C-alpha cells in the first residue's frame, strides 16, 4: 500500500464543511494565513479552523483544515503534514496515486490540468461523482499539491444539480505558498554564486501563479516510470499518510473554532 493510499483512506473520512453564509460578488475576502506562515488564501466567509493529530504507519500526522459553506456551496482547504519529506522526483507519481481519492468509480471527469503555484506542482480536477438515485449530482473542483512533507487539497462542492459558481475559481486561485515565496526572496538577496551549468535545475516552463503550466520534456519527474527500490520506499511515505487510524482522525486532539 502507498502513501497515497493512506491519504485516500484518511481524506475520505473527513467531515463536510461547516459555516454557512451568503456572499456578494464584489465583497472583499479576508486573507487567511496558516499559524506557521506556510500558506495564505481567501474564502468567501470566515471559515472554521480545526487542527488535529492522527497516527500514520510512519509516525504522527498533523492535519490543518479550514471550511465554510456559502449559498449552499462548500469550500474546504486541508493540509496534512507527514513524518518525512517526499523527494521532488516523486511528487508527480504521488499525485497520480492520489487521484482515485477524487475520481472514484462512476465519477465523470470533466477537466484535468497540471498546475504550478509559486513553484509547487499540483493538479486541478473538475468532476461529478455519482449521486443517489433520483437526486441531482453536485460538481466538485479540487486542486491538490505536494511540497516537502506537506500535502494540500482545496475543494469546492456545488449545490446539487447546479454548476460551480465564479467564487470557486476565486477561492482556488487565492492560494499562495508564502513560505516558498520567502525562501525564494531570501535566495535572491543572498550573494550570487556561479550559475548552474549542470542542466539539472528546475525545468518547469514559466507560469503565472495559479495558471496551468506545461511540464517540459526532459524533466526527470515525467520520464517513463521505472519503479526502483527508492520509489517503492517513497510509496511507503504515502502509505504513512493514507493508513490513518480512523478512530484517531475522527477525534480531533485540538480544535480552534475560529482564527
C-alpha atoms as a PDB file:
ATOM      1  CA  UNK A   1       0.000   0.000   0.000  1.00  0.00           C
ATOM      2  CA  UNK A   2       1.320   3.510  -0.840  1.00  0.00           C
ATOM      3  CA  UNK A   3       1.479   6.891   0.924  1.00  0.00           C
ATOM      4  CA  UNK A   4      -1.205   7.995  -1.477  1.00  0.00           C
ATOM      5  CA  UNK A   5      -3.447   5.106  -0.475  1.00  0.00           C
ATOM      6  CA  UNK A   6      -3.022   6.117   3.165  1.00  0.00           C
ATOM      7  CA  UNK A   7      -4.135   9.621   2.236  1.00  0.00           C
ATOM      8  CA  UNK A   8      -7.143   8.209   0.420  1.00  0.00           C
ATOM      9  CA  UNK A   9      -8.380   6.350   3.464  1.00  0.00           C
ATOM     10  CA  UNK A  10      -7.884   9.334   5.704  1.00  0.00           C
ATOM     11  CA  UNK A  11      -9.335  12.021   3.447  1.00  0.00           C
ATOM     12  CA  UNK A  12     -12.451  10.012   2.647  1.00  0.00           C
ATOM     13  CA  UNK A  13     -13.374  10.020   6.351  1.00  0.00           C
ATOM     14  CA  UNK A  14     -13.293  13.800   6.716  1.00  0.00           C
ATOM     15  CA  UNK A  15     -16.461  15.717   7.693  1.00  0.00           C
ATOM     16  CA  UNK A  16     -18.242  18.129   5.388  1.00  0.00           C
ATOM     17  CA  UNK A  17     -17.549  21.872   5.609  1.00  0.00           C
ATOM     18  CA  UNK A  18     -19.274  23.879   8.315  1.00  0.00           C
ATOM     19  CA  UNK A  19     -20.103  27.594   8.498  1.00  0.00           C
ATOM     20  CA  UNK A  20     -22.909  28.883   6.291  1.00  0.00           C
ATOM     21  CA  UNK A  21     -23.470  32.377   4.929  1.00  0.00           C
ATOM     22  CA  UNK A  22     -24.191  34.486   1.869  1.00  0.00           C
ATOM     23  CA  UNK A  23     -21.837  36.342  -0.440  1.00  0.00           C
ATOM     24  CA  UNK A  24     -21.813  39.330  -2.714  1.00  0.00           C
ATOM     25  CA  UNK A  25     -19.737  39.047  -5.881  1.00  0.00           C
ATOM     26  CA  UNK A  26     -17.971  42.336  -5.083  1.00  0.00           C
ATOM     27  CA  UNK A  27     -17.322  41.537  -1.437  1.00  0.00           C
ATOM     28  CA  UNK A  28     -13.702  41.789  -0.323  1.00  0.00           C
ATOM     29  CA  UNK A  29     -12.453  38.486   1.054  1.00  0.00           C
ATOM     30  CA  UNK A  30     -10.152  38.455   4.058  1.00  0.00           C
ATOM     31  CA  UNK A  31      -6.681  36.980   3.655  1.00  0.00           C
ATOM     32  CA  UNK A  32      -6.229  33.969   5.929  1.00  0.00           C
ATOM     33  CA  UNK A  33      -2.801  32.679   6.898  1.00  0.00           C
ATOM     34  CA  UNK A  34      -1.847  29.394   8.485  1.00  0.00           C
ATOM     35  CA  UNK A  35      -0.467  29.840  12.011  1.00  0.00           C
ATOM     36  CA  UNK A  36       3.050  28.882  10.889  1.00  0.00           C
ATOM     37  CA  UNK A  37       3.054  31.244   7.908  1.00  0.00           C
ATOM     38  CA  UNK A  38       3.249  28.390   5.413  1.00  0.00           C
ATOM     39  CA  UNK A  39       0.283  29.381   3.211  1.00  0.00           C
ATOM     40  CA  UNK A  40      -2.222  32.182   2.671  1.00  0.00           C
ATOM     41  CA  UNK A  41      -5.613  32.054   0.945  1.00  0.00           C
ATOM     42  CA  UNK A  42      -9.092  33.596   0.935  1.00  0.00           C
ATOM     43  CA  UNK A  43     -12.581  32.166   1.444  1.00  0.00           C
ATOM     44  CA  UNK A  44     -15.968  33.820   0.810  1.00  0.00           C
ATOM     45  CA  UNK A  45     -16.833  33.613   4.523  1.00  0.00           C
ATOM     46  CA  UNK A  46     -14.778  33.464   7.708  1.00  0.00           C
ATOM     47  CA  UNK A  47     -14.020  29.724   7.911  1.00  0.00           C
ATOM     48  CA  UNK A  48     -13.973  27.269  10.750  1.00  0.00           C
ATOM     49  CA  UNK A  49     -10.429  26.172  11.525  1.00  0.00           C
ATOM     50  CA  UNK A  50      -9.539  22.823  13.002  1.00  0.00           C
ATOM     51  CA  UNK A  51      -6.207  21.302  13.955  1.00  0.00           C
ATOM     52  CA  UNK A  52      -5.957  17.627  14.781  1.00  0.00           C
ATOM     53  CA  UNK A  53      -3.407  14.876  15.095  1.00  0.00           C
ATOM     54  CA  UNK A  54      -3.624  11.374  13.672  1.00  0.00           C
ATOM     55  CA  UNK A  55      -1.359   8.339  13.533  1.00  0.00           C
ATOM     56  CA  UNK A  56       0.145   7.079  10.287  1.00  0.00           C
ATOM     57  CA  UNK A  57       2.209   3.964   9.680  1.00  0.00           C
ATOM     58  CA  UNK A  58       5.425   6.000   9.819  1.00  0.00           C
ATOM     59  CA  UNK A  59       4.539   8.338  12.666  1.00  0.00           C
ATOM     60  CA  UNK A  60       2.266  11.212  13.692  1.00  0.00           C
ATOM     61  CA  UNK A  61       0.340  13.292  11.177  1.00  0.00           C
ATOM     62  CA  UNK A  62      -0.758  16.881  11.668  1.00  0.00           C
ATOM     63  CA  UNK A  63      -3.982  17.906   9.902  1.00  0.00           C
ATOM     64  CA  UNK A  64      -4.988  21.550   9.491  1.00  0.00           C
ATOM     65  CA  UNK A  65      -8.419  22.219   7.964  1.00  0.00           C
ATOM     66  CA  UNK A  66     -10.434  25.301   7.004  1.00  0.00           C
ATOM     67  CA  UNK A  67     -14.050  25.096   5.819  1.00  0.00           C
ATOM     68  CA  UNK A  68     -17.138  27.197   5.184  1.00  0.00           C
ATOM     69  CA  UNK A  69     -20.448  26.969   3.325  1.00  0.00           C
ATOM     70  CA  UNK A  70     -21.893  29.923   1.409  1.00  0.00           C
ATOM     71  CA  UNK A  71     -25.125  29.925  -0.613  1.00  0.00           C
ATOM     72  CA  UNK A  72     -25.158  26.126  -0.470  1.00  0.00           C
ATOM     73  CA  UNK A  73     -21.622  25.835  -1.865  1.00  0.00           C
ATOM     74  CA  UNK A  74     -18.954  24.174   0.293  1.00  0.00           C
ATOM     75  CA  UNK A  75     -15.344  25.359   0.412  1.00  0.00           C
ATOM     76  CA  UNK A  76     -12.593  23.353   2.090  1.00  0.00           C
ATOM     77  CA  UNK A  77      -8.812  23.531   2.423  1.00  0.00           C
ATOM     78  CA  UNK A  78      -6.838  20.780   4.126  1.00  0.00           C
ATOM     79  CA  UNK A  79      -3.119  20.449   4.796  1.00  0.00           C
ATOM     80  CA  UNK A  80      -1.540  17.219   6.049  1.00  0.00           C
ATOM     81  CA  UNK A  81       1.995  17.181   7.410  1.00  0.00           C
ATOM     82  CA  UNK A  82       3.649  13.754   7.117  1.00  0.00           C
ATOM     83  CA  UNK A  83       6.607  12.460   9.185  1.00  0.00           C
ATOM     84  CA  UNK A  84       9.108  12.924   6.358  1.00  0.00           C
ATOM     85  CA  UNK A  85       9.505  14.808   3.106  1.00  0.00           C
ATOM     86  CA  UNK A  86       8.729  13.363  -0.291  1.00  0.00           C
ATOM     87  CA  UNK A  87      11.634  13.559  -2.794  1.00  0.00           C
ATOM     88  CA  UNK A  88      10.949  16.081  -5.581  1.00  0.00           C
ATOM     89  CA  UNK A  89      11.133  13.415  -8.295  1.00  0.00           C
ATOM     90  CA  UNK A  90       8.303  11.517  -6.574  1.00  0.00           C
ATOM     91  CA  UNK A  91       5.752  14.333  -6.433  1.00  0.00           C
ATOM     92  CA  UNK A  92       4.112  13.632  -9.797  1.00  0.00           C
ATOM     93  CA  UNK A  93       3.786   9.859  -9.188  1.00  0.00           C
ATOM     94  CA  UNK A  94       2.342  10.503  -5.728  1.00  0.00           C
ATOM     95  CA  UNK A  95      -0.215  12.975  -7.092  1.00  0.00           C
ATOM     96  CA  UNK A  96      -1.228  10.374  -9.681  1.00  0.00           C
ATOM     97  CA  UNK A  97      -1.691   7.795  -6.921  1.00  0.00           C
ATOM     98  CA  UNK A  98      -3.989  10.184  -5.065  1.00  0.00           C
ATOM     99  CA  UNK A  99      -6.357  10.862  -7.959  1.00  0.00           C
ATOM    100  CA  UNK A 100      -8.564   7.822  -7.211  1.00  0.00           C
ATOM    101  CA  UNK A 101      -9.471   9.522  -3.918  1.00  0.00           C
ATOM    102  CA  UNK A 102     -11.366  12.090  -6.011  1.00  0.00           C
ATOM    103  CA  UNK A 103     -12.089  10.162  -9.210  1.00  0.00           C
ATOM    104  CA  UNK A 104     -13.898   7.219  -7.635  1.00  0.00           C
ATOM    105  CA  UNK A 105     -15.720   4.540  -9.628  1.00  0.00           C
ATOM    106  CA  UNK A 106     -18.604   6.091 -11.555  1.00  0.00           C
ATOM    107  CA  UNK A 107     -17.203   9.624 -11.348  1.00  0.00           C
ATOM    108  CA  UNK A 108     -17.326  11.691 -14.527  1.00  0.00           C
ATOM    109  CA  UNK A 109     -14.118  13.652 -15.089  1.00  0.00           C
ATOM    110  CA  UNK A 110     -14.895  16.995 -16.711  1.00  0.00           C
ATOM    111  CA  UNK A 111     -11.445  18.555 -16.827  1.00  0.00           C
ATOM    112  CA  UNK A 112      -7.943  17.835 -15.606  1.00  0.00           C
ATOM    113  CA  UNK A 113      -4.989  20.219 -15.818  1.00  0.00           C
ATOM    114  CA  UNK A 114      -1.475  20.315 -14.360  1.00  0.00           C
ATOM    115  CA  UNK A 115      -0.795  23.462 -12.379  1.00  0.00           C
ATOM    116  CA  UNK A 116       2.154  25.179 -10.734  1.00  0.00           C
ATOM    117  CA  UNK A 117       1.712  27.786  -7.979  1.00  0.00           C
ATOM    118  CA  UNK A 118       4.809  29.528  -6.602  1.00  0.00           C
ATOM    119  CA  UNK A 119       6.863  26.632  -7.979  1.00  0.00           C
ATOM    120  CA  UNK A 120       4.762  23.989  -6.197  1.00  0.00           C
ATOM    121  CA  UNK A 121       3.444  21.255  -8.512  1.00  0.00           C
ATOM    122  CA  UNK A 122      -0.175  20.133  -8.424  1.00  0.00           C
ATOM    123  CA  UNK A 123      -3.256  19.052 -10.371  1.00  0.00           C
ATOM    124  CA  UNK A 124      -6.592  20.785 -10.998  1.00  0.00           C
ATOM    125  CA  UNK A 125      -9.542  18.372 -11.277  1.00  0.00           C
ATOM    126  CA  UNK A 126     -13.193  19.134 -12.086  1.00  0.00           C
ATOM    127  CA  UNK A 127     -15.510  16.133 -11.737  1.00  0.00           C
ATOM    128  CA  UNK A 128     -19.024  14.917 -10.970  1.00  0.00           C
ATOM    129  CA  UNK A 129     -19.228  11.983  -8.539  1.00  0.00           C
ATOM    130  CA  UNK A 130     -22.143   9.527  -8.757  1.00  0.00           C
ATOM    131  CA  UNK A 131     -25.244  10.621  -6.855  1.00  0.00           C
ATOM    132  CA  UNK A 132     -28.020   8.595  -5.167  1.00  0.00           C
ATOM    133  CA  UNK A 133     -30.953   7.582  -7.402  1.00  0.00           C
ATOM    134  CA  UNK A 134     -33.367  10.406  -8.243  1.00  0.00           C
ATOM    135  CA  UNK A 135     -31.018  13.028  -6.793  1.00  0.00           C
ATOM    136  CA  UNK A 136     -29.173  15.713  -8.720  1.00  0.00           C
ATOM    137  CA  UNK A 137     -25.395  15.417  -8.754  1.00  0.00           C
ATOM    138  CA  UNK A 138     -23.023  18.049  -7.396  1.00  0.00           C
ATOM    139  CA  UNK A 139     -19.966  19.259  -9.298  1.00  0.00           C
ATOM    140  CA  UNK A 140     -16.621  19.373  -7.498  1.00  0.00           C
ATOM    141  CA  UNK A 141     -13.351  21.053  -8.300  1.00  0.00           C
ATOM    142  CA  UNK A 142     -10.166  20.132  -6.460  1.00  0.00           C
ATOM    143  CA  UNK A 143      -6.639  21.459  -6.581  1.00  0.00           C
ATOM    144  CA  UNK A 144      -4.088  19.364  -4.734  1.00  0.00           C
ATOM    145  CA  UNK A 145      -0.354  19.857  -4.274  1.00  0.00           C
ATOM    146  CA  UNK A 146       2.667  18.249  -2.625  1.00  0.00           C
ATOM    147  CA  UNK A 147       5.688  20.027  -1.206  1.00  0.00           C
ATOM    148  CA  UNK A 148       8.252  18.549   1.136  1.00  0.00           C
ATOM    149  CA  UNK A 149       6.372  16.784   3.914  1.00  0.00           C
ATOM    150  CA  UNK A 150       3.087  18.582   3.139  1.00  0.00           C
ATOM    151  CA  UNK A 151       0.033  17.555   1.136  1.00  0.00           C
ATOM    152  CA  UNK A 152      -2.513  20.287   0.319  1.00  0.00           C
ATOM    153  CA  UNK A 153      -6.053  19.867  -1.044  1.00  0.00           C
ATOM    154  CA  UNK A 154      -8.574  22.624  -1.849  1.00  0.00           C
ATOM    155  CA  UNK A 155     -12.078  21.541  -2.866  1.00  0.00           C
ATOM    156  CA  UNK A 156     -15.278  23.366  -3.817  1.00  0.00           C
ATOM    157  CA  UNK A 157     -18.602  21.479  -3.964  1.00  0.00           C
ATOM    158  CA  UNK A 158     -21.547  22.990  -5.822  1.00  0.00           C
ATOM    159  CA  UNK A 159     -25.199  22.760  -4.926  1.00  0.00           C
ATOM    160  CA  UNK A 160     -26.742  19.541  -6.325  1.00  0.00           C
ATOM    161  CA  UNK A 161     -27.728  19.988  -9.940  1.00  0.00           C
ATOM    162  CA  UNK A 162     -26.011  23.369 -10.264  1.00  0.00           C
ATOM    163  CA  UNK A 163     -22.653  24.393 -11.729  1.00  0.00           C
ATOM    164  CA  UNK A 164     -19.795  25.728  -9.670  1.00  0.00           C
ATOM    165  CA  UNK A 165     -20.049  29.488  -9.043  1.00  0.00           C
ATOM    166  CA  UNK A 166     -17.399  32.010 -10.063  1.00  0.00           C
ATOM    167  CA  UNK A 167     -16.321  32.170  -6.419  1.00  0.00           C
ATOM    168  CA  UNK A 168     -14.948  28.629  -6.764  1.00  0.00           C
ATOM    169  CA  UNK A 169     -12.181  29.746  -9.112  1.00  0.00           C
ATOM    170  CA  UNK A 170     -11.564  32.784  -6.938  1.00  0.00           C
ATOM    171  CA  UNK A 171     -11.024  30.618  -3.856  1.00  0.00           C
ATOM    172  CA  UNK A 172      -8.801  28.089  -5.631  1.00  0.00           C
ATOM    173  CA  UNK A 173      -6.661  30.802  -7.232  1.00  0.00           C
ATOM    174  CA  UNK A 174      -6.180  32.621  -3.919  1.00  0.00           C
ATOM    175  CA  UNK A 175      -3.725  30.064  -2.525  1.00  0.00           C
ATOM    176  CA  UNK A 176      -0.183  31.357  -2.038  1.00  0.00           C
ATOM    177  CA  UNK A 177       2.711  29.307  -0.686  1.00  0.00           C
ATOM    178  CA  UNK A 178       4.147  32.139   1.372  1.00  0.00           C
ATOM    179  CA  UNK A 179       6.970  30.081   2.875  1.00  0.00           C
ATOM    180  CA  UNK A 180       8.169  29.188  -0.632  1.00  0.00           C
ATOM    181  CA  UNK A 181       7.982  32.832  -1.708  1.00  0.00           C
ATOM    182  CA  UNK A 182      10.022  33.930   1.313  1.00  0.00           C
ATOM    183  CA  UNK A 183      12.643  31.265   0.610  1.00  0.00           C
ATOM    184  CA  UNK A 184      12.901  32.426  -2.989  1.00  0.00           C
ATOM    185  CA  UNK A 185      13.243  36.063  -1.946  1.00  0.00           C
ATOM    186  CA  UNK A 186      15.969  35.127   0.554  1.00  0.00           C
ATOM    187  CA  UNK A 187      17.908  33.312  -2.171  1.00  0.00           C
ATOM    188  CA  UNK A 188      17.578  36.295  -4.474  1.00  0.00           C
ATOM    189  CA  UNK A 189      19.048  38.570  -1.791  1.00  0.00           C
ATOM    190  CA  UNK A 190      21.902  36.199  -0.987  1.00  0.00           C
ATOM    191  CA  UNK A 191      25.336  36.795  -2.621  1.00  0.00           C
ATOM    192  CA  UNK A 192      25.285  35.449  -6.152  1.00  0.00           C
ATOM    193  CA  UNK A 193      27.032  32.171  -6.843  1.00  0.00           C
ATOM    194  CA  UNK A 194      28.159  30.591 -10.085  1.00  0.00           C
ATOM    195  CA  UNK A 195      25.266  29.669 -12.376  1.00  0.00           C
ATOM    196  CA  UNK A 196      24.006  26.104 -12.555  1.00  0.00           C
ATOM    197  CA  UNK A 197      25.599  24.605 -15.676  1.00  0.00           C
ATOM    198  CA  UNK A 198      24.710  21.027 -14.878  1.00  0.00           C
ATOM    199  CA  UNK A 199      21.364  21.127 -16.623  1.00  0.00           C
ATOM    200  CA  UNK A 200      19.696  19.594 -13.576  1.00  0.00           C
ATOM    201  CA  UNK A 201      17.913  22.721 -12.370  1.00  0.00           C
ATOM    202  CA  UNK A 202      14.130  23.186 -12.450  1.00  0.00           C
ATOM    203  CA  UNK A 203      12.695  22.517 -15.909  1.00  0.00           C
ATOM    204  CA  UNK A 204       9.070  23.566 -15.435  1.00  0.00           C
ATOM    205  CA  UNK A 205       8.025  26.118 -18.016  1.00  0.00           C
ATOM    206  CA  UNK A 206       7.331  29.644 -16.696  1.00  0.00           C
ATOM    207  CA  UNK A 207       3.860  30.102 -15.279  1.00  0.00           C
ATOM    208  CA  UNK A 208       1.927  32.832 -13.574  1.00  0.00           C
ATOM    209  CA  UNK A 209       0.766  31.795 -10.095  1.00  0.00           C
ATOM    210  CA  UNK A 210      -2.444  29.804 -10.292  1.00  0.00           C
ATOM    211  CA  UNK A 211      -2.189  29.187 -14.041  1.00  0.00           C
ATOM    212  CA  UNK A 212      -1.690  25.743 -15.639  1.00  0.00           C
ATOM    213  CA  UNK A 213       1.888  25.127 -16.717  1.00  0.00           C
ATOM    214  CA  UNK A 214       3.283  22.626 -19.151  1.00  0.00           C
ATOM    215  CA  UNK A 215       5.871  20.167 -17.960  1.00  0.00           C
ATOM    216  CA  UNK A 216       8.867  20.460 -20.229  1.00  0.00           C
ATOM    217  CA  UNK A 217      10.193  17.227 -21.777  1.00  0.00           C
ATOM    218  CA  UNK A 218      13.358  16.202 -20.024  1.00  0.00           C
ATOM    219  CA  UNK A 219      12.036  16.841 -16.528  1.00  0.00           C
ATOM    220  CA  UNK A 220      13.087  13.710 -14.578  1.00  0.00           C
ATOM    221  CA  UNK A 221       9.657  13.651 -12.928  1.00  0.00           C
ATOM    222  CA  UNK A 222       7.887  12.956 -16.205  1.00  0.00           C
ATOM    223  CA  UNK A 223      10.211  10.386 -17.732  1.00  0.00           C
ATOM    224  CA  UNK A 224       8.725   6.911 -18.212  1.00  0.00           C
ATOM    225  CA  UNK A 225       8.272   5.393 -14.793  1.00  0.00           C
ATOM    226  CA  UNK A 226      10.507   2.540 -13.742  1.00  0.00           C
ATOM    227  CA  UNK A 227       9.698   1.555 -10.198  1.00  0.00           C
ATOM    228  CA  UNK A 228      13.018   1.418  -8.379  1.00  0.00           C
ATOM    229  CA  UNK A 229      13.632   0.367  -4.816  1.00  0.00           C
ATOM    230  CA  UNK A 230      13.886   4.069  -3.974  1.00  0.00           C
ATOM    231  CA  UNK A 231      10.444   4.685  -5.452  1.00  0.00           C
ATOM    232  CA  UNK A 232       8.955   1.797  -3.533  1.00  0.00           C
ATOM    233  CA  UNK A 233      10.396   3.293  -0.368  1.00  0.00           C
ATOM    234  CA  UNK A 234       8.801   6.631  -1.228  1.00  0.00           C
ATOM    235  CA  UNK A 235       5.439   4.970  -1.792  1.00  0.00           C
ATOM    236  CA  UNK A 236       5.633   3.802   1.800  1.00  0.00           C
ATOM    237  CA  UNK A 237       5.736   7.533   2.661  1.00  0.00           C
ATOM    238  CA  UNK A 238       2.322   7.849   1.011  1.00  0.00           C
ATOM    239  CA  UNK A 239       1.172   4.816   2.906  1.00  0.00           C
ATOM    240  CA  UNK A 240       2.117   6.611   6.120  1.00  0.00           C
ATOM    241  CA  UNK A 241      -0.495   9.275   5.436  1.00  0.00           C
ATOM    242  CA  UNK A 242      -3.240   7.140   3.958  1.00  0.00           C
ATOM    243  CA  UNK A 243      -3.296   4.328   6.543  1.00  0.00           C
ATOM    244  CA  UNK A 244      -4.560   6.630   9.249  1.00  0.00           C
ATOM    245  CA  UNK A 245      -6.372   5.183  12.218  1.00  0.00           C
ATOM    246  CA  UNK A 246      -9.968   6.270  11.608  1.00  0.00           C
ATOM    247  CA  UNK A 247     -10.684   6.497  15.306  1.00  0.00           C
ATOM    248  CA  UNK A 248      -7.874   8.996  15.736  1.00  0.00           C
ATOM    249  CA  UNK A 249      -8.857  11.020  12.689  1.00  0.00           C
ATOM    250  CA  UNK A 250     -12.471  11.329  13.833  1.00  0.00           C
ATOM    251  CA  UNK A 251     -11.490  12.712  17.255  1.00  0.00           C
ATOM    252  CA  UNK A 252      -9.547  15.986  16.999  1.00  0.00           C
ATOM    253  CA  UNK A 253      -6.893  16.470  19.634  1.00  0.00           C
ATOM    254  CA  UNK A 254      -7.195  20.217  19.377  1.00  0.00           C
ATOM    255  CA  UNK A 255      -9.841  22.414  17.838  1.00  0.00           C
ATOM    256  CA  UNK A 256      -9.681  26.091  17.018  1.00  0.00           C
ATOM    257  CA  UNK A 257     -13.244  27.083  16.107  1.00  0.00           C
ATOM    258  CA  UNK A 258     -12.148  30.309  14.539  1.00  0.00           C
ATOM    259  CA  UNK A 259      -8.973  32.020  13.525  1.00  0.00           C
END
